[in-house]
PDB file of all heavy atoms in Angstrom:
ATOM      1  N   VAL A   1       0.811  -1.217   0.000  1.00  0.00           N
ATOM      2  CA  VAL A   1       0.000   0.000   0.000  1.00  0.00           C
ATOM      3  C   VAL A   1       0.847   1.272   0.000  1.00  0.00           C
ATOM      4  O   VAL A   1       0.376   2.329  -0.405  1.00  0.00           O
ATOM      5  CB  VAL A   1      -0.984   0.020   1.186  1.00  0.00           C
ATOM      6  CG1 VAL A   1      -2.046  -1.048   1.016  1.00  0.00           C
ATOM      7  CG2 VAL A   1      -0.263  -0.136   2.522  1.00  0.00           C
ATOM      8  N   ILE A   2       2.092   1.179   0.470  1.00  0.00           N
ATOM      9  CA  ILE A   2       3.014   2.320   0.450  1.00  0.00           C
ATOM     10  C   ILE A   2       4.397   1.823   0.063  1.00  0.00           C
ATOM     11  O   ILE A   2       4.829   0.764   0.510  1.00  0.00           O
ATOM     12  CB  ILE A   2       3.089   3.021   1.823  1.00  0.00           C
ATOM     13  CG1 ILE A   2       1.785   3.732   2.148  1.00  0.00           C
ATOM     14  CG2 ILE A   2       4.254   4.023   1.877  1.00  0.00           C
ATOM     15  CD1 ILE A   2       1.751   4.335   3.552  1.00  0.00           C
ATOM     16  N   GLY A   3       5.076   2.597  -0.770  1.00  0.00           N
ATOM     17  CA  GLY A   3       6.467   2.327  -1.092  1.00  0.00           C
ATOM     18  C   GLY A   3       7.249   3.623  -1.162  1.00  0.00           C
ATOM     19  O   GLY A   3       6.844   4.555  -1.857  1.00  0.00           O
ATOM     20  N   VAL A   4       8.345   3.693  -0.429  1.00  0.00           N
ATOM     21  CA  VAL A   4       9.213   4.875  -0.429  1.00  0.00           C
ATOM     22  C   VAL A   4      10.655   4.413  -0.595  1.00  0.00           C
ATOM     23  O   VAL A   4      11.116   3.527   0.131  1.00  0.00           O
ATOM     24  CB  VAL A   4       9.071   5.689   0.872  1.00  0.00           C
ATOM     25  CG1 VAL A   4      10.162   6.761   0.964  1.00  0.00           C
ATOM     26  CG2 VAL A   4       7.696   6.329   0.963  1.00  0.00           C
ATOM     27  N   VAL A   5      11.348   4.996  -1.558  1.00  0.00           N
ATOM     28  CA  VAL A   5      12.781   4.765  -1.748  1.00  0.00           C
ATOM     29  C   VAL A   5      13.454   6.126  -1.793  1.00  0.00           C
ATOM     30  O   VAL A   5      13.129   6.967  -2.649  1.00  0.00           O
ATOM     31  CB  VAL A   5      13.076   3.992  -3.042  1.00  0.00           C
ATOM     32  CG1 VAL A   5      14.588   3.922  -3.290  1.00  0.00           C
ATOM     33  CG2 VAL A   5      12.485   2.581  -2.975  1.00  0.00           C
ATOM     34  N   TYR A   6      14.379   6.343  -0.884  1.00  0.00           N
ATOM     35  CA  TYR A   6      15.126   7.603  -0.851  1.00  0.00           C
ATOM     36  C   TYR A   6      16.566   7.343  -1.256  1.00  0.00           C
ATOM     37  O   TYR A   6      17.320   6.686  -0.539  1.00  0.00           O
ATOM     38  CB  TYR A   6      15.077   8.230   0.544  1.00  0.00           C
ATOM     39  CG  TYR A   6      15.866   9.521   0.637  1.00  0.00           C
ATOM     40  CD1 TYR A   6      15.562  10.597  -0.193  1.00  0.00           C
ATOM     41  CD2 TYR A   6      16.927   9.651   1.519  1.00  0.00           C
ATOM     42  CE1 TYR A   6      16.287  11.779  -0.134  1.00  0.00           C
ATOM     43  CE2 TYR A   6      17.663  10.829   1.592  1.00  0.00           C
ATOM     44  CZ  TYR A   6      17.335  11.886   0.756  1.00  0.00           C
ATOM     45  OH  TYR A   6      18.057  13.057   0.811  1.00  0.00           O
ATOM     46  N   GLU A   7      16.958   7.845  -2.449  1.00  0.00           N
ATOM     47  CA  GLU A   7      18.346   7.728  -2.904  1.00  0.00           C
ATOM     48  C   GLU A   7      19.118   8.891  -2.290  1.00  0.00           C
ATOM     49  O   GLU A   7      18.838  10.051  -2.574  1.00  0.00           O
ATOM     50  CB  GLU A   7      18.414   7.750  -4.425  1.00  0.00           C
ATOM     51  CG  GLU A   7      19.669   7.070  -5.001  1.00  0.00           C
ATOM     52  CD  GLU A   7      20.949   7.820  -4.674  1.00  0.00           C
ATOM     53  OE1 GLU A   7      20.981   9.056  -4.855  1.00  0.00           O
ATOM     54  OE2 GLU A   7      21.916   7.177  -4.224  1.00  0.00           O
ATOM     55  N   VAL A   8      20.096   8.545  -1.469  1.00  0.00           N
ATOM     56  CA  VAL A   8      20.732   9.524  -0.588  1.00  0.00           C
ATOM     57  C   VAL A   8      21.555  10.542  -1.357  1.00  0.00           C
ATOM     58  O   VAL A   8      21.494  11.750  -1.092  1.00  0.00           O
ATOM     59  CB  VAL A   8      21.594   8.792   0.461  1.00  0.00           C
ATOM     60  CG1 VAL A   8      22.361   9.789   1.322  1.00  0.00           C
ATOM     61  CG2 VAL A   8      20.722   7.873   1.315  1.00  0.00           C
ATOM     62  N   ASN A   9      22.352  10.096  -2.319  1.00  0.00           N
ATOM     63  CA  ASN A   9      23.319  10.977  -2.965  1.00  0.00           C
ATOM     64  C   ASN A   9      22.676  11.992  -3.901  1.00  0.00           C
ATOM     65  O   ASN A   9      23.141  13.131  -4.001  1.00  0.00           O
ATOM     66  CB  ASN A   9      24.342  10.128  -3.727  1.00  0.00           C
ATOM     67  CG  ASN A   9      25.113   9.210  -2.813  1.00  0.00           C
ATOM     68  OD1 ASN A   9      26.121   9.595  -2.236  1.00  0.00           O
ATOM     69  ND2 ASN A   9      24.633   7.976  -2.659  1.00  0.00           N
ATOM     70  N   LEU A  10      21.619  11.589  -4.594  1.00  0.00           N
ATOM     71  CA  LEU A  10      20.920  12.492  -5.503  1.00  0.00           C
ATOM     72  C   LEU A  10      19.799  13.257  -4.797  1.00  0.00           C
ATOM     73  O   LEU A  10      19.152  14.100  -5.420  1.00  0.00           O
ATOM     74  CB  LEU A  10      20.345  11.715  -6.687  1.00  0.00           C
ATOM     75  CG  LEU A  10      21.363  11.078  -7.633  1.00  0.00           C
ATOM     76  CD1 LEU A  10      20.655  10.262  -8.713  1.00  0.00           C
ATOM     77  CD2 LEU A  10      22.251  12.140  -8.267  1.00  0.00           C
ATOM     78  N   ASP A  11      19.567  12.943  -3.528  1.00  0.00           N
ATOM     79  CA  ASP A  11      18.486  13.573  -2.766  1.00  0.00           C
ATOM     80  C   ASP A  11      17.151  13.411  -3.504  1.00  0.00           C
ATOM     81  O   ASP A  11      16.379  14.352  -3.655  1.00  0.00           O
ATOM     82  CB  ASP A  11      18.788  15.055  -2.519  1.00  0.00           C
ATOM     83  CG  ASP A  11      17.799  15.698  -1.540  1.00  0.00           C
ATOM     84  OD1 ASP A  11      17.231  14.968  -0.706  1.00  0.00           O
ATOM     85  OD2 ASP A  11      17.593  16.927  -1.625  1.00  0.00           O
ATOM     86  N   GLU A  12      16.890  12.179  -3.965  1.00  0.00           N
ATOM     87  CA  GLU A  12      15.652  11.875  -4.667  1.00  0.00           C
ATOM     88  C   GLU A  12      14.789  10.947  -3.823  1.00  0.00           C
ATOM     89  O   GLU A  12      15.225   9.855  -3.458  1.00  0.00           O
ATOM     90  CB  GLU A  12      15.933  11.212  -6.021  1.00  0.00           C
ATOM     91  CG  GLU A  12      16.525  12.162  -7.036  1.00  0.00           C
ATOM     92  CD  GLU A  12      16.645  11.550  -8.405  1.00  0.00           C
ATOM     93  OE1 GLU A  12      16.872  10.323  -8.506  1.00  0.00           O
ATOM     94  OE2 GLU A  12      16.527  12.290  -9.403  1.00  0.00           O
ATOM     95  N   CYS A  13      13.585  11.391  -3.518  1.00  0.00           N
ATOM     96  CA  CYS A  13      12.656  10.595  -2.724  1.00  0.00           C
ATOM     97  C   CYS A  13      11.521  10.121  -3.623  1.00  0.00           C
ATOM     98  O   CYS A  13      10.705  10.915  -4.098  1.00  0.00           O
ATOM     99  CB  CYS A  13      12.107  11.414  -1.559  1.00  0.00           C
ATOM    100  SG  CYS A  13      11.195  10.397  -0.366  1.00  0.00           S
ATOM    101  N   PHE A  14      11.490   8.818  -3.864  1.00  0.00           N
ATOM    102  CA  PHE A  14      10.445   8.191  -4.665  1.00  0.00           C
ATOM    103  C   PHE A  14       9.348   7.699  -3.727  1.00  0.00           C
ATOM    104  O   PHE A  14       9.629   7.052  -2.718  1.00  0.00           O
ATOM    105  CB  PHE A  14      11.017   7.024  -5.463  1.00  0.00           C
ATOM    106  CG  PHE A  14      12.081   7.419  -6.455  1.00  0.00           C
ATOM    107  CD1 PHE A  14      13.411   7.531  -6.070  1.00  0.00           C
ATOM    108  CD2 PHE A  14      11.755   7.686  -7.775  1.00  0.00           C
ATOM    109  CE1 PHE A  14      14.395   7.897  -6.971  1.00  0.00           C
ATOM    110  CE2 PHE A  14      12.724   8.046  -8.698  1.00  0.00           C
ATOM    111  CZ  PHE A  14      14.047   8.164  -8.288  1.00  0.00           C
ATOM    112  N   ARG A  15       8.098   7.975  -4.094  1.00  0.00           N
ATOM    113  CA  ARG A  15       6.979   7.643  -3.210  1.00  0.00           C
ATOM    114  C   ARG A  15       5.812   7.122  -4.045  1.00  0.00           C
ATOM    115  O   ARG A  15       5.513   7.664  -5.108  1.00  0.00           O
ATOM    116  CB  ARG A  15       6.537   8.897  -2.443  1.00  0.00           C
ATOM    117  CG  ARG A  15       5.408   8.694  -1.461  1.00  0.00           C
ATOM    118  CD  ARG A  15       5.027  10.022  -0.788  1.00  0.00           C
ATOM    119  NE  ARG A  15       4.548  11.012  -1.768  1.00  0.00           N
ATOM    120  CZ  ARG A  15       3.291  11.061  -2.212  1.00  0.00           C
ATOM    121  NH1 ARG A  15       2.374  10.198  -1.766  1.00  0.00           N
ATOM    122  NH2 ARG A  15       2.932  11.989  -3.082  1.00  0.00           N
ATOM    123  N   ALA A  16       5.186   6.061  -3.556  1.00  0.00           N
ATOM    124  CA  ALA A  16       4.010   5.511  -4.232  1.00  0.00           C
ATOM    125  C   ALA A  16       2.992   5.058  -3.203  1.00  0.00           C
ATOM    126  O   ALA A  16       3.342   4.625  -2.100  1.00  0.00           O
ATOM    127  CB  ALA A  16       4.390   4.329  -5.130  1.00  0.00           C
ATOM    128  N   VAL A  17       1.715   5.177  -3.576  1.00  0.00           N
ATOM    129  CA  VAL A  17       0.598   4.737  -2.757  1.00  0.00           C
ATOM    130  C   VAL A  17      -0.308   3.884  -3.629  1.00  0.00           C
ATOM    131  O   VAL A  17      -0.506   4.204  -4.818  1.00  0.00           O
ATOM    132  CB  VAL A  17      -0.197   5.942  -2.195  1.00  0.00           C
ATOM    133  CG1 VAL A  17      -1.368   5.466  -1.347  1.00  0.00           C
ATOM    134  CG2 VAL A  17       0.715   6.843  -1.382  1.00  0.00           C
ATOM    135  N   ARG A  18      -0.831   2.822  -3.076  1.00  0.00           N
ATOM    136  CA  ARG A  18      -1.736   1.959  -3.825  1.00  0.00           C
ATOM    137  C   ARG A  18      -2.856   2.777  -4.469  1.00  0.00           C
ATOM    138  O   ARG A  18      -3.595   3.492  -3.791  1.00  0.00           O
ATOM    139  CB  ARG A  18      -2.342   0.903  -2.901  1.00  0.00           C
ATOM    140  CG  ARG A  18      -3.372  -0.014  -3.552  1.00  0.00           C
ATOM    141  CD  ARG A  18      -3.969  -0.976  -2.544  1.00  0.00           C
ATOM    142  NE  ARG A  18      -4.638  -0.268  -1.443  1.00  0.00           N
ATOM    143  CZ  ARG A  18      -5.116  -0.861  -0.358  1.00  0.00           C
ATOM    144  NH1 ARG A  18      -4.993  -2.169  -0.208  1.00  0.00           N
ATOM    145  NH2 ARG A  18      -5.699  -0.142   0.587  1.00  0.00           N
ATOM    146  N   GLY A  19      -2.948   2.706  -5.777  1.00  0.00           N
ATOM    147  CA  GLY A  19      -3.990   3.416  -6.500  1.00  0.00           C
ATOM    148  C   GLY A  19      -3.788   4.903  -6.618  1.00  0.00           C
ATOM    149  O   GLY A  19      -4.641   5.601  -7.166  1.00  0.00           O
ATOM    150  N   GLY A  20      -2.644   5.417  -6.151  1.00  0.00           N
ATOM    151  CA  GLY A  20      -2.433   6.861  -6.125  1.00  0.00           C
ATOM    152  C   GLY A  20      -1.295   7.360  -6.979  1.00  0.00           C
ATOM    153  O   GLY A  20      -0.949   8.540  -6.927  1.00  0.00           O
ATOM    154  N   GLY A  21      -0.667   6.488  -7.750  1.00  0.00           N
ATOM    155  CA  GLY A  21       0.420   6.908  -8.610  1.00  0.00           C
ATOM    156  C   GLY A  21       1.775   6.888  -7.921  1.00  0.00           C
ATOM    157  O   GLY A  21       1.895   6.543  -6.747  1.00  0.00           O
ATOM    158  N   ALA A  22       2.799   7.270  -8.680  1.00  0.00           N
ATOM    159  CA  ALA A  22       4.174   7.274  -8.190  1.00  0.00           C
ATOM    160  C   ALA A  22       4.800   8.632  -8.459  1.00  0.00           C
ATOM    161  O   ALA A  22       4.478   9.301  -9.455  1.00  0.00           O
ATOM    162  CB  ALA A  22       4.983   6.168  -8.861  1.00  0.00           C
ATOM    163  N   PHE A  23       5.739   9.024  -7.580  1.00  0.00           N
ATOM    164  CA  PHE A  23       6.303  10.368  -7.623  1.00  0.00           C
ATOM    165  C   PHE A  23       7.793  10.323  -7.296  1.00  0.00           C
ATOM    166  O   PHE A  23       8.247   9.450  -6.560  1.00  0.00           O
ATOM    167  CB  PHE A  23       5.596  11.278  -6.615  1.00  0.00           C
ATOM    168  CG  PHE A  23       4.106  11.321  -6.777  1.00  0.00           C
ATOM    169  CD1 PHE A  23       3.297  10.354  -6.181  1.00  0.00           C
ATOM    170  CD2 PHE A  23       3.515  12.319  -7.543  1.00  0.00           C
ATOM    171  CE1 PHE A  23       1.916  10.386  -6.348  1.00  0.00           C
ATOM    172  CE2 PHE A  23       2.137  12.357  -7.713  1.00  0.00           C
ATOM    173  CZ  PHE A  23       1.341  11.386  -7.115  1.00  0.00           C
ATOM    174  N   CYS A  24       8.522  11.309  -7.817  1.00  0.00           N
ATOM    175  CA  CYS A  24       9.907  11.547  -7.415  1.00  0.00           C
ATOM    176  C   CYS A  24      10.009  13.004  -6.996  1.00  0.00           C
ATOM    177  O   CYS A  24       9.772  13.907  -7.817  1.00  0.00           O
ATOM    178  CB  CYS A  24      10.877  11.245  -8.549  1.00  0.00           C
ATOM    179  SG  CYS A  24      12.601  11.617  -8.145  1.00  0.00           S
ATOM    180  N   ASN A  25      10.355  13.219  -5.730  1.00  0.00           N
ATOM    181  CA  ASN A  25      10.353  14.577  -5.169  1.00  0.00           C
ATOM    182  C   ASN A  25       9.054  15.302  -5.501  1.00  0.00           C
ATOM    183  O   ASN A  25       9.035  16.477  -5.854  1.00  0.00           O
ATOM    184  CB  ASN A  25      11.574  15.361  -5.653  1.00  0.00           C
ATOM    185  CG  ASN A  25      12.864  14.837  -5.043  1.00  0.00           C
ATOM    186  OD1 ASN A  25      12.849  14.041  -4.097  1.00  0.00           O
ATOM    187  ND2 ASN A  25      13.992  15.259  -5.593  1.00  0.00           N
ATOM    188  N   GLU A  26       7.970  14.542  -5.398  1.00  0.00           N
ATOM    189  CA  GLU A  26       6.585  15.011  -5.564  1.00  0.00           C
ATOM    190  C   GLU A  26       6.206  15.383  -7.000  1.00  0.00           C
ATOM    191  O   GLU A  26       5.118  15.897  -7.231  1.00  0.00           O
ATOM    192  CB  GLU A  26       6.283  16.173  -4.610  1.00  0.00           C
ATOM    193  CG  GLU A  26       6.378  15.760  -3.144  1.00  0.00           C
ATOM    194  CD  GLU A  26       5.619  14.458  -2.849  1.00  0.00           C
ATOM    195  OE1 GLU A  26       4.442  14.340  -3.240  1.00  0.00           O
ATOM    196  OE2 GLU A  26       6.210  13.548  -2.236  1.00  0.00           O
ATOM    197  N   GLU A  27       7.061  15.029  -7.958  1.00  0.00           N
ATOM    198  CA  GLU A  27       6.687  15.150  -9.367  1.00  0.00           C
ATOM    199  C   GLU A  27       6.259  13.777  -9.872  1.00  0.00           C
ATOM    200  O   GLU A  27       6.945  12.786  -9.624  1.00  0.00           O
ATOM    201  CB  GLU A  27       7.861  15.663 -10.201  1.00  0.00           C
ATOM    202  CG  GLU A  27       8.251  17.099  -9.896  1.00  0.00           C
ATOM    203  CD  GLU A  27       7.162  18.097 -10.277  1.00  0.00           C
ATOM    204  OE1 GLU A  27       6.465  17.860 -11.286  1.00  0.00           O
ATOM    205  OE2 GLU A  27       7.018  19.099  -9.552  1.00  0.00           O
ATOM    206  N   PRO A  28       5.134  13.677 -10.581  1.00  0.00           N
ATOM    207  CA  PRO A  28       4.679  12.366 -11.066  1.00  0.00           C
ATOM    208  C   PRO A  28       5.713  11.723 -11.981  1.00  0.00           C
ATOM    209  O   PRO A  28       6.388  12.404 -12.767  1.00  0.00           O
ATOM    210  CB  PRO A  28       3.398  12.701 -11.845  1.00  0.00           C
ATOM    211  CG  PRO A  28       2.956  14.021 -11.320  1.00  0.00           C
ATOM    212  CD  PRO A  28       4.200  14.768 -10.954  1.00  0.00           C
ATOM    213  N   ILE A  29       5.848  10.400 -11.878  1.00  0.00           N
ATOM    214  CA  ILE A  29       6.744   9.656 -12.751  1.00  0.00           C
ATOM    215  C   ILE A  29       5.979   8.547 -13.453  1.00  0.00           C
ATOM    216  O   ILE A  29       4.940   8.069 -12.969  1.00  0.00           O
ATOM    217  CB  ILE A  29       7.940   9.053 -11.981  1.00  0.00           C
ATOM    218  CG1 ILE A  29       7.465   8.160 -10.811  1.00  0.00           C
ATOM    219  CG2 ILE A  29       8.863  10.151 -11.478  1.00  0.00           C
ATOM    220  CD1 ILE A  29       8.598   7.421 -10.105  1.00  0.00           C
ATOM    221  N   ARG A  30       6.475   8.156 -14.616  1.00  0.00           N
ATOM    222  CA  ARG A  30       5.909   7.066 -15.404  1.00  0.00           C
ATOM    223  C   ARG A  30       7.039   6.217 -15.951  1.00  0.00           C
ATOM    224  O   ARG A  30       8.155   6.702 -16.157  1.00  0.00           O
ATOM    225  CB  ARG A  30       5.080   7.603 -16.583  1.00  0.00           C
ATOM    226  CG  ARG A  30       3.822   8.328 -16.197  1.00  0.00           C
ATOM    227  CD  ARG A  30       2.756   7.373 -15.705  1.00  0.00           C
ATOM    228  NE  ARG A  30       2.319   6.443 -16.748  1.00  0.00           N
ATOM    229  CZ  ARG A  30       1.430   5.462 -16.536  1.00  0.00           C
ATOM    230  NH1 ARG A  30       0.920   5.275 -15.329  1.00  0.00           N
ATOM    231  NH2 ARG A  30       1.069   4.674 -17.507  1.00  0.00           N
ATOM    232  N   VAL A  31       6.744   4.957 -16.194  1.00  0.00           N
ATOM    233  CA  VAL A  31       7.705   4.079 -16.850  1.00  0.00           C
ATOM    234  C   VAL A  31       7.938   4.571 -18.275  1.00  0.00           C
ATOM    235  O   VAL A  31       7.174   5.378 -18.810  1.00  0.00           O
ATOM    236  CB  VAL A  31       7.212   2.621 -16.851  1.00  0.00           C
ATOM    237  CG1 VAL A  31       7.161   2.067 -15.428  1.00  0.00           C
ATOM    238  CG2 VAL A  31       5.853   2.501 -17.543  1.00  0.00           C
ATOM    239  N   SER A  32       8.974   4.056 -18.885  1.00  0.00           N
ATOM    240  CA  SER A  32       9.336   4.482 -20.234  1.00  0.00           C
ATOM    241  C   SER A  32       8.328   3.965 -21.263  1.00  0.00           C
ATOM    242  O   SER A  32       7.549   3.045 -21.003  1.00  0.00           O
ATOM    243  CB  SER A  32      10.732   3.959 -20.595  1.00  0.00           C
ATOM    244  OG  SER A  32      10.678   2.560 -20.858  1.00  0.00           O
ATOM    245  N   GLY A  33       8.410   4.536 -22.454  1.00  0.00           N
ATOM    246  CA  GLY A  33       7.580   4.074 -23.559  1.00  0.00           C
ATOM    247  C   GLY A  33       8.335   3.211 -24.545  1.00  0.00           C
ATOM    248  O   GLY A  33       7.836   2.963 -25.652  1.00  0.00           O
ATOM    249  N   THR A  34       9.517   2.746 -24.169  1.00  0.00           N
ATOM    250  CA  THR A  34      10.327   1.918 -25.067  1.00  0.00           C
ATOM    251  C   THR A  34       9.545   0.674 -25.482  1.00  0.00           C
ATOM    252  O   THR A  34       9.108  -0.094 -24.624  1.00  0.00           O
ATOM    253  CB  THR A  34      11.638   1.512 -24.380  1.00  0.00           C
ATOM    254  OG1 THR A  34      12.318   2.693 -23.950  1.00  0.00           O
ATOM    255  CG2 THR A  34      12.525   0.715 -25.315  1.00  0.00           C
ATOM    256  N   PRO A  35       9.374   0.430 -26.793  1.00  0.00           N
ATOM    257  CA  PRO A  35       8.471  -0.637 -27.229  1.00  0.00           C
ATOM    258  C   PRO A  35       9.084  -2.022 -27.320  1.00  0.00           C
ATOM    259  O   PRO A  35       8.360  -3.016 -27.313  1.00  0.00           O
ATOM    260  CB  PRO A  35       8.031  -0.167 -28.622  1.00  0.00           C
ATOM    261  CG  PRO A  35       9.208   0.605 -29.129  1.00  0.00           C
ATOM    262  CD  PRO A  35       9.815   1.268 -27.918  1.00  0.00           C
TER     263      PRO A  35
END
């Protein structure tokens, strides 16, 4: 229901909530479109 990964050196905090999307430093993120 919750996932948080904080990469220390880049100061990037990734956050996700079940059904609520995923974010990096509170900006929405999406997987790539590589086909």
